[in-house]
C-alpha cells in the first residue's frame, strides 16, 4: 500500500478508535497497536457499516473507504 493510502487508512482508524463505540473502537485500537489481524478488523468494520452505515453520521462513508483500503493491505 502506498504511503498516502496507509496514512489515510490510519487516520480513519484513529477516528474509529476515538469513537467510543465498542463495535469499532477496540478493533481499531488493536490494529493500530499491531495486535489485531486483518480479518478481525474487516469483520468489525463490516458490522459497524451494517449497524450504522446509512444513519447520516460522519462515519458512514469512512466504513466503506476503510474496507476499500483494507483490501489493499
PDB file of N, CA and C in Angstrom:
ATOM      1  N   UNK A   1       0.867  -1.181   0.000  1.00  0.00           N
ATOM      2  CA  UNK A   1       0.000   0.000   0.000  1.00  0.00           C
ATOM      3  C   UNK A   1       0.903   1.231   0.000  1.00  0.00           C
ATOM      4  N   UNK A   2       0.593   2.177  -0.839  1.00  0.00           N
ATOM      5  CA  UNK A   2       1.406   3.378  -0.893  1.00  0.00           C
ATOM      6  C   UNK A   2       1.219   4.199   0.376  1.00  0.00           C
ATOM      7  N   UNK A   3       2.193   5.045   0.649  1.00  0.00           N
ATOM      8  CA  UNK A   3       2.226   5.788   1.912  1.00  0.00           C
ATOM      9  C   UNK A   3       0.977   6.643   2.133  1.00  0.00           C
ATOM     10  N   UNK A   4       0.502   7.333   1.106  1.00  0.00           N
ATOM     11  CA  UNK A   4      -0.678   8.189   1.258  1.00  0.00           C
ATOM     12  C   UNK A   4      -1.905   7.382   1.661  1.00  0.00           C
ATOM     13  N   UNK A   5      -2.067   6.231   1.052  1.00  0.00           N
ATOM     14  CA  UNK A   5      -3.214   5.377   1.382  1.00  0.00           C
ATOM     15  C   UNK A   5      -3.077   4.812   2.792  1.00  0.00           C
ATOM     16  N   UNK A   6      -1.857   4.453   3.166  1.00  0.00           N
ATOM     17  CA  UNK A   6      -1.611   3.946   4.519  1.00  0.00           C
ATOM     18  C   UNK A   6      -1.949   5.025   5.547  1.00  0.00           C
ATOM     19  N   UNK A   7      -1.527   6.245   5.283  1.00  0.00           N
ATOM     20  CA  UNK A   7      -1.831   7.353   6.193  1.00  0.00           C
ATOM     21  C   UNK A   7      -3.333   7.617   6.256  1.00  0.00           C
ATOM     22  N   UNK A   8      -4.007   7.552   5.121  1.00  0.00           N
ATOM     23  CA  UNK A   8      -5.458   7.733   5.100  1.00  0.00           C
ATOM     24  C   UNK A   8      -6.140   6.642   5.926  1.00  0.00           C
ATOM     25  N   UNK A   9      -5.695   5.403   5.743  1.00  0.00           N
ATOM     26  CA  UNK A   9      -6.268   4.275   6.477  1.00  0.00           C
ATOM     27  C   UNK A   9      -6.068   4.456   7.983  1.00  0.00           C
ATOM     28  N   UNK A  10      -4.866   4.822   8.389  1.00  0.00           N
ATOM     29  CA  UNK A  10      -4.589   5.031   9.810  1.00  0.00           C
ATOM     30  C   UNK A  10      -5.388   6.201  10.369  1.00  0.00           C
ATOM     31  N   UNK A  11      -5.585   7.237   9.580  1.00  0.00           N
ATOM     32  CA  UNK A  11      -6.396   8.375  10.011  1.00  0.00           C
ATOM     33  C   UNK A  11      -7.840   7.947  10.271  1.00  0.00           C
ATOM     34  N   UNK A  12      -8.382   7.142   9.377  1.00  0.00           N
ATOM     35  CA  UNK A  12      -9.744   6.633   9.555  1.00  0.00           C
ATOM     36  C   UNK A  12      -9.814   5.770  10.807  1.00  0.00           C
ATOM     37  N   UNK A  13      -8.836   4.881  10.976  1.00  0.00           N
ATOM     38  CA  UNK A  13      -8.842   4.007  12.150  1.00  0.00           C
ATOM     39  C   UNK A  13      -8.701   4.799  13.442  1.00  0.00           C
ATOM     40  N   UNK A  14      -7.945   5.876  13.414  1.00  0.00           N
ATOM     41  CA  UNK A  14      -7.842   6.728  14.600  1.00  0.00           C
ATOM     42  C   UNK A  14      -9.190   7.352  14.943  1.00  0.00           C
ATOM     43  N   UNK A  15      -9.951   7.735  13.937  1.00  0.00           N
ATOM     44  CA  UNK A  15     -11.304   8.264  14.181  1.00  0.00           C
ATOM     45  C   UNK A  15     -12.197   7.187  14.775  1.00  0.00           C
ATOM     46  N   UNK A  16     -12.114   5.979  14.222  1.00  0.00           N
ATOM     47  CA  UNK A  16     -12.901   4.869  14.763  1.00  0.00           C
ATOM     48  C   UNK A  16     -12.493   4.590  16.211  1.00  0.00           C
ATOM     49  N   UNK A  17     -11.194   4.601  16.468  1.00  0.00           N
ATOM     50  CA  UNK A  17     -10.681   4.296  17.806  1.00  0.00           C
ATOM     51  C   UNK A  17     -11.137   5.318  18.840  1.00  0.00           C
ATOM     52  N   UNK A  18     -11.361   6.543  18.402  1.00  0.00           N
ATOM     53  CA  UNK A  18     -11.797   7.606  19.313  1.00  0.00           C
ATOM     54  C   UNK A  18     -13.313   7.715  19.408  1.00  0.00           C
ATOM     55  N   UNK A  19     -14.025   6.865  18.694  1.00  0.00           N
ATOM     56  CA  UNK A  19     -15.484   6.985  18.618  1.00  0.00           C
ATOM     57  C   UNK A  19     -16.203   6.605  19.903  1.00  0.00           C
ATOM     58  N   UNK A  20     -15.608   5.726  20.685  1.00  0.00           N
ATOM     59  CA  UNK A  20     -16.272   5.260  21.894  1.00  0.00           C
ATOM     60  C   UNK A  20     -17.297   4.170  21.643  1.00  0.00           C
ATOM     61  N   UNK A  21     -17.447   3.749  20.407  1.00  0.00           N
ATOM     62  CA  UNK A  21     -18.412   2.705  20.052  1.00  0.00           C
ATOM     63  C   UNK A  21     -17.677   1.373  20.021  1.00  0.00           C
ATOM     64  N   UNK A  22     -18.037   0.479  20.926  1.00  0.00           N
ATOM     65  CA  UNK A  22     -17.273  -0.755  21.106  1.00  0.00           C
ATOM     66  C   UNK A  22     -17.214  -1.650  19.875  1.00  0.00           C
ATOM     67  N   UNK A  23     -18.162  -1.529  18.977  1.00  0.00           N
ATOM     68  CA  UNK A  23     -18.128  -2.343  17.754  1.00  0.00           C
ATOM     69  C   UNK A  23     -16.864  -2.044  16.955  1.00  0.00           C
ATOM     70  N   UNK A  24     -16.454  -0.788  16.948  1.00  0.00           N
ATOM     71  CA  UNK A  24     -15.349  -0.387  16.084  1.00  0.00           C
ATOM     72  C   UNK A  24     -14.133   0.186  16.821  1.00  0.00           C
ATOM     73  N   UNK A  25     -14.316   0.739  18.030  1.00  0.00           N
ATOM     74  CA  UNK A  25     -13.162   1.383  18.656  1.00  0.00           C
ATOM     75  C   UNK A  25     -12.093   0.389  19.109  1.00  0.00           C
ATOM     76  N   UNK A  26     -12.472  -0.686  19.771  1.00  0.00           N
ATOM     77  CA  UNK A  26     -11.480  -1.654  20.243  1.00  0.00           C
ATOM     78  C   UNK A  26     -10.743  -2.346  19.092  1.00  0.00           C
ATOM     79  N   UNK A  27     -11.446  -2.809  18.056  1.00  0.00           N
ATOM     80  CA  UNK A  27     -10.716  -3.425  16.939  1.00  0.00           C
ATOM     81  C   UNK A  27      -9.767  -2.447  16.234  1.00  0.00           C
ATOM     82  N   UNK A  28     -10.171  -1.196  16.141  1.00  0.00           N
ATOM     83  CA  UNK A  28      -9.310  -0.192  15.502  1.00  0.00           C
ATOM     84  C   UNK A  28      -8.075   0.074  16.347  1.00  0.00           C
ATOM     85  N   UNK A  29      -8.267   0.207  17.656  1.00  0.00           N
ATOM     86  CA  UNK A  29      -7.122   0.405  18.552  1.00  0.00           C
ATOM     87  C   UNK A  29      -6.172  -0.783  18.475  1.00  0.00           C
ATOM     88  N   UNK A  30      -6.731  -1.985  18.478  1.00  0.00           N
ATOM     89  CA  UNK A  30      -5.896  -3.187  18.406  1.00  0.00           C
ATOM     90  C   UNK A  30      -5.074  -3.204  17.118  1.00  0.00           C
ATOM     91  N   UNK A  31      -5.695  -2.848  16.004  1.00  0.00           N
ATOM     92  CA  UNK A  31      -4.973  -2.815  14.725  1.00  0.00           C
ATOM     93  C   UNK A  31      -3.849  -1.779  14.777  1.00  0.00           C
ATOM     94  N   UNK A  32      -4.157  -0.596  15.282  1.00  0.00           N
ATOM     95  CA  UNK A  32      -3.155   0.469  15.344  1.00  0.00           C
ATOM     96  C   UNK A  32      -1.987   0.095  16.254  1.00  0.00           C
ATOM     97  N   UNK A  33      -2.257  -0.741  17.252  1.00  0.00           N
ATOM     98  CA  UNK A  33      -1.214  -1.202  18.171  1.00  0.00           C
ATOM     99  C   UNK A  33      -0.530  -2.472  17.670  1.00  0.00           C
ATOM    100  N   UNK A  34      -0.948  -2.963  16.509  1.00  0.00           N
ATOM    101  CA  UNK A  34      -0.354  -4.165  15.946  1.00  0.00           C
ATOM    102  C   UNK A  34      -0.816  -5.450  16.605  1.00  0.00           C
ATOM    103  N   UNK A  35      -1.986  -5.406  17.242  1.00  0.00           N
ATOM    104  CA  UNK A  35      -2.477  -6.562  17.997  1.00  0.00           C
ATOM    105  C   UNK A  35      -3.680  -7.250  17.365  1.00  0.00           C
ATOM    106  N   UNK A  36      -4.091  -6.847  16.183  1.00  0.00           N
ATOM    107  CA  UNK A  36      -5.266  -7.455  15.542  1.00  0.00           C
ATOM    108  C   UNK A  36      -4.887  -7.917  14.143  1.00  0.00           C
ATOM    109  N   UNK A  37      -5.602  -8.922  13.672  1.00  0.00           N
ATOM    110  CA  UNK A  37      -5.343  -9.345  12.304  1.00  0.00           C
ATOM    111  C   UNK A  37      -6.344  -8.680  11.360  1.00  0.00           C
ATOM    112  N   UNK A  38      -6.048  -8.789  10.098  1.00  0.00           N
ATOM    113  CA  UNK A  38      -6.846  -8.122   9.065  1.00  0.00           C
ATOM    114  C   UNK A  38      -8.298  -8.589   9.069  1.00  0.00           C
ATOM    115  N   UNK A  39      -8.519  -9.884   9.208  1.00  0.00           N
ATOM    116  CA  UNK A  39      -9.888 -10.412   9.169  1.00  0.00           C
ATOM    117  C   UNK A  39     -10.734  -9.900  10.334  1.00  0.00           C
ATOM    118  N   UNK A  40     -10.143  -9.790  11.523  1.00  0.00           N
ATOM    119  CA  UNK A  40     -10.877  -9.251  12.676  1.00  0.00           C
ATOM    120  C   UNK A  40     -11.293  -7.811  12.413  1.00  0.00           C
ATOM    121  N   UNK A  41     -10.377  -7.048  11.843  1.00  0.00           N
ATOM    122  CA  UNK A  41     -10.677  -5.652  11.553  1.00  0.00           C
ATOM    123  C   UNK A  41     -11.765  -5.534  10.486  1.00  0.00           C
ATOM    124  N   UNK A  42     -11.654  -6.301   9.432  1.00  0.00           N
ATOM    125  CA  UNK A  42     -12.665  -6.272   8.368  1.00  0.00           C
ATOM    126  C   UNK A  42     -14.032  -6.654   8.920  1.00  0.00           C
ATOM    127  N   UNK A  43     -14.080  -7.675   9.755  1.00  0.00           N
ATOM    128  CA  UNK A  43     -15.342  -8.100  10.368  1.00  0.00           C
ATOM    129  C   UNK A  43     -15.951  -6.971  11.181  1.00  0.00           C
ATOM    130  N   UNK A  44     -15.133  -6.278  11.966  1.00  0.00           N
ATOM    131  CA  UNK A  44     -15.627  -5.174  12.794  1.00  0.00           C
ATOM    132  C   UNK A  44     -16.133  -4.017  11.933  1.00  0.00           C
ATOM    133  N   UNK A  45     -15.398  -3.680  10.888  1.00  0.00           N
ATOM    134  CA  UNK A  45     -15.814  -2.579  10.019  1.00  0.00           C
ATOM    135  C   UNK A  45     -17.114  -2.933   9.298  1.00  0.00           C
ATOM    136  N   UNK A  46     -17.218  -4.155   8.827  1.00  0.00           N
ATOM    137  CA  UNK A  46     -18.462  -4.581   8.161  1.00  0.00           C
ATOM    138  C   UNK A  46     -19.647  -4.534   9.121  1.00  0.00           C
ATOM    139  N   UNK A  47     -19.436  -4.958  10.370  1.00  0.00           N
ATOM    140  CA  UNK A  47     -20.508  -4.923  11.360  1.00  0.00           C
ATOM    141  C   UNK A  47     -20.923  -3.483  11.640  1.00  0.00           C
ATOM    142  N   UNK A  48     -19.950  -2.604  11.791  1.00  0.00           N
ATOM    143  CA  UNK A  48     -20.251  -1.192  12.034  1.00  0.00           C
ATOM    144  C   UNK A  48     -21.012  -0.598  10.853  1.00  0.00           C
ATOM    145  N   UNK A  49     -20.589  -0.935   9.644  1.00  0.00           N
ATOM    146  CA  UNK A  49     -21.271  -0.439   8.446  1.00  0.00           C
ATOM    147  C   UNK A  49     -22.701  -0.968   8.387  1.00  0.00           C
ATOM    148  N   UNK A  50     -22.887  -2.215   8.754  1.00  0.00           N
ATOM    149  CA  UNK A  50     -24.224  -2.822   8.744  1.00  0.00           C
ATOM    150  C   UNK A  50     -25.145  -2.131   9.748  1.00  0.00           C
ATOM    151  N   UNK A  51     -24.619  -1.850  10.945  1.00  0.00           N
ATOM    152  CA  UNK A  51     -25.432  -1.267  12.009  1.00  0.00           C
ATOM    153  C   UNK A  51     -25.625   0.241  11.856  1.00  0.00           C
ATOM    154  N   UNK A  52     -24.654   0.909  11.255  1.00  0.00           N
ATOM    155  CA  UNK A  52     -24.681   2.373  11.276  1.00  0.00           C
ATOM    156  C   UNK A  52     -24.302   3.008   9.939  1.00  0.00           C
ATOM    157  N   UNK A  53     -24.122   2.226   8.912  1.00  0.00           N
ATOM    158  CA  UNK A  53     -23.572   2.732   7.659  1.00  0.00           C
ATOM    159  C   UNK A  53     -24.442   3.647   6.838  1.00  0.00           C
ATOM    160  N   UNK A  54     -25.671   3.860   7.266  1.00  0.00           N
ATOM    161  CA  UNK A  54     -26.548   4.749   6.500  1.00  0.00           C
ATOM    162  C   UNK A  54     -27.340   5.685   7.401  1.00  0.00           C
ATOM    163  N   UNK A  55     -26.807   5.959   8.578  1.00  0.00           N
ATOM    164  CA  UNK A  55     -27.534   6.811   9.527  1.00  0.00           C
ATOM    165  C   UNK A  55     -27.318   8.296   9.256  1.00  0.00           C
ATOM    166  N   UNK A  56     -26.318   8.621   8.438  1.00  0.00           N
ATOM    167  CA  UNK A  56     -26.053  10.013   8.123  1.00  0.00           C
ATOM    168  C   UNK A  56     -24.926  10.631   8.931  1.00  0.00           C
ATOM    169  N   UNK A  57     -24.272   9.840   9.777  1.00  0.00           N
ATOM    170  CA  UNK A  57     -23.179  10.387  10.586  1.00  0.00           C
ATOM    171  C   UNK A  57     -21.896  10.477   9.756  1.00  0.00           C
ATOM    172  N   UNK A  58     -20.886  11.118  10.313  1.00  0.00           N
ATOM    173  CA  UNK A  58     -19.622  11.315   9.605  1.00  0.00           C
ATOM    174  C   UNK A  58     -18.889  10.010   9.296  1.00  0.00           C
ATOM    175  N   UNK A  59     -19.226   8.946  10.012  1.00  0.00           N
ATOM    176  CA  UNK A  59     -18.544   7.675   9.814  1.00  0.00           C
ATOM    177  C   UNK A  59     -19.073   6.863   8.633  1.00  0.00           C
ATOM    178  N   UNK A  60     -20.279   7.135   8.189  1.00  0.00           N
ATOM    179  CA  UNK A  60     -20.892   6.337   7.119  1.00  0.00           C
ATOM    180  C   UNK A  60     -19.958   6.129   5.921  1.00  0.00           C
ATOM    181  N   UNK A  61     -19.404   7.179   5.322  1.00  0.00           N
ATOM    182  CA  UNK A  61     -18.519   6.946   4.174  1.00  0.00           C
ATOM    183  C   UNK A  61     -17.169   6.353   4.576  1.00  0.00           C
ATOM    184  N   UNK A  62     -16.796   6.536   5.843  1.00  0.00           N
ATOM    185  CA  UNK A  62     -15.498   6.038   6.291  1.00  0.00           C
ATOM    186  C   UNK A  62     -15.469   4.516   6.386  1.00  0.00           C
ATOM    187  N   UNK A  63     -16.595   3.903   6.734  1.00  0.00           N
ATOM    188  CA  UNK A  63     -16.632   2.438   6.785  1.00  0.00           C
ATOM    189  C   UNK A  63     -16.306   1.866   5.412  1.00  0.00           C
ATOM    190  N   UNK A  64     -16.955   2.399   4.405  1.00  0.00           N
ATOM    191  CA  UNK A  64     -16.750   1.896   3.051  1.00  0.00           C
ATOM    192  C   UNK A  64     -15.326   2.160   2.562  1.00  0.00           C
ATOM    193  N   UNK A  65     -14.816   3.336   2.851  1.00  0.00           N
ATOM    194  CA  UNK A  65     -13.455   3.670   2.430  1.00  0.00           C
ATOM    195  C   UNK A  65     -12.434   2.806   3.171  1.00  0.00           C
ATOM    196  N   UNK A  66     -12.644   2.594   4.443  1.00  0.00           N
ATOM    197  CA  UNK A  66     -11.723   1.747   5.210  1.00  0.00           C
ATOM    198  C   UNK A  66     -11.701   0.332   4.648  1.00  0.00           C
ATOM    199  N   UNK A  67     -12.852  -0.177   4.268  1.00  0.00           N
ATOM    200  CA  UNK A  67     -12.901  -1.518   3.672  1.00  0.00           C
ATOM    201  C   UNK A  67     -12.144  -1.563   2.349  1.00  0.00           C
ATOM    202  N   UNK A  68     -12.283  -0.521   1.539  1.00  0.00           N
ATOM    203  CA  UNK A  68     -11.538  -0.453   0.275  1.00  0.00           C
ATOM    204  C   UNK A  68     -10.036  -0.472   0.539  1.00  0.00           C
ATOM    205  N   UNK A  69      -9.609   0.362   1.475  1.00  0.00           N
ATOM    206  CA  UNK A  69      -8.185   0.461   1.773  1.00  0.00           C
ATOM    207  C   UNK A  69      -7.656  -0.822   2.404  1.00  0.00           C
ATOM    208  N   UNK A  70      -8.458  -1.443   3.233  1.00  0.00           N
ATOM    209  CA  UNK A  70      -8.041  -2.662   3.924  1.00  0.00           C
ATOM    210  C   UNK A  70      -7.782  -3.799   2.938  1.00  0.00           C
ATOM    211  N   UNK A  71      -8.518  -3.835   1.859  1.00  0.00           N
ATOM    212  CA  UNK A  71      -8.311  -4.897   0.871  1.00  0.00           C
ATOM    213  C   UNK A  71      -6.979  -4.736   0.146  1.00  0.00           C
ATOM    214  N   UNK A  72      -6.399  -3.551   0.219  1.00  0.00           N
ATOM    215  CA  UNK A  72      -5.114  -3.298  -0.425  1.00  0.00           C
ATOM    216  C   UNK A  72      -3.933  -3.661   0.467  1.00  0.00           C
ATOM    217  N   UNK A  73      -4.203  -3.996   1.710  1.00  0.00           N
ATOM    218  CA  UNK A  73      -3.115  -4.324   2.643  1.00  0.00           C
ATOM    219  C   UNK A  73      -2.435  -5.623   2.280  1.00  0.00           C
TER     220      UNK A  73
END
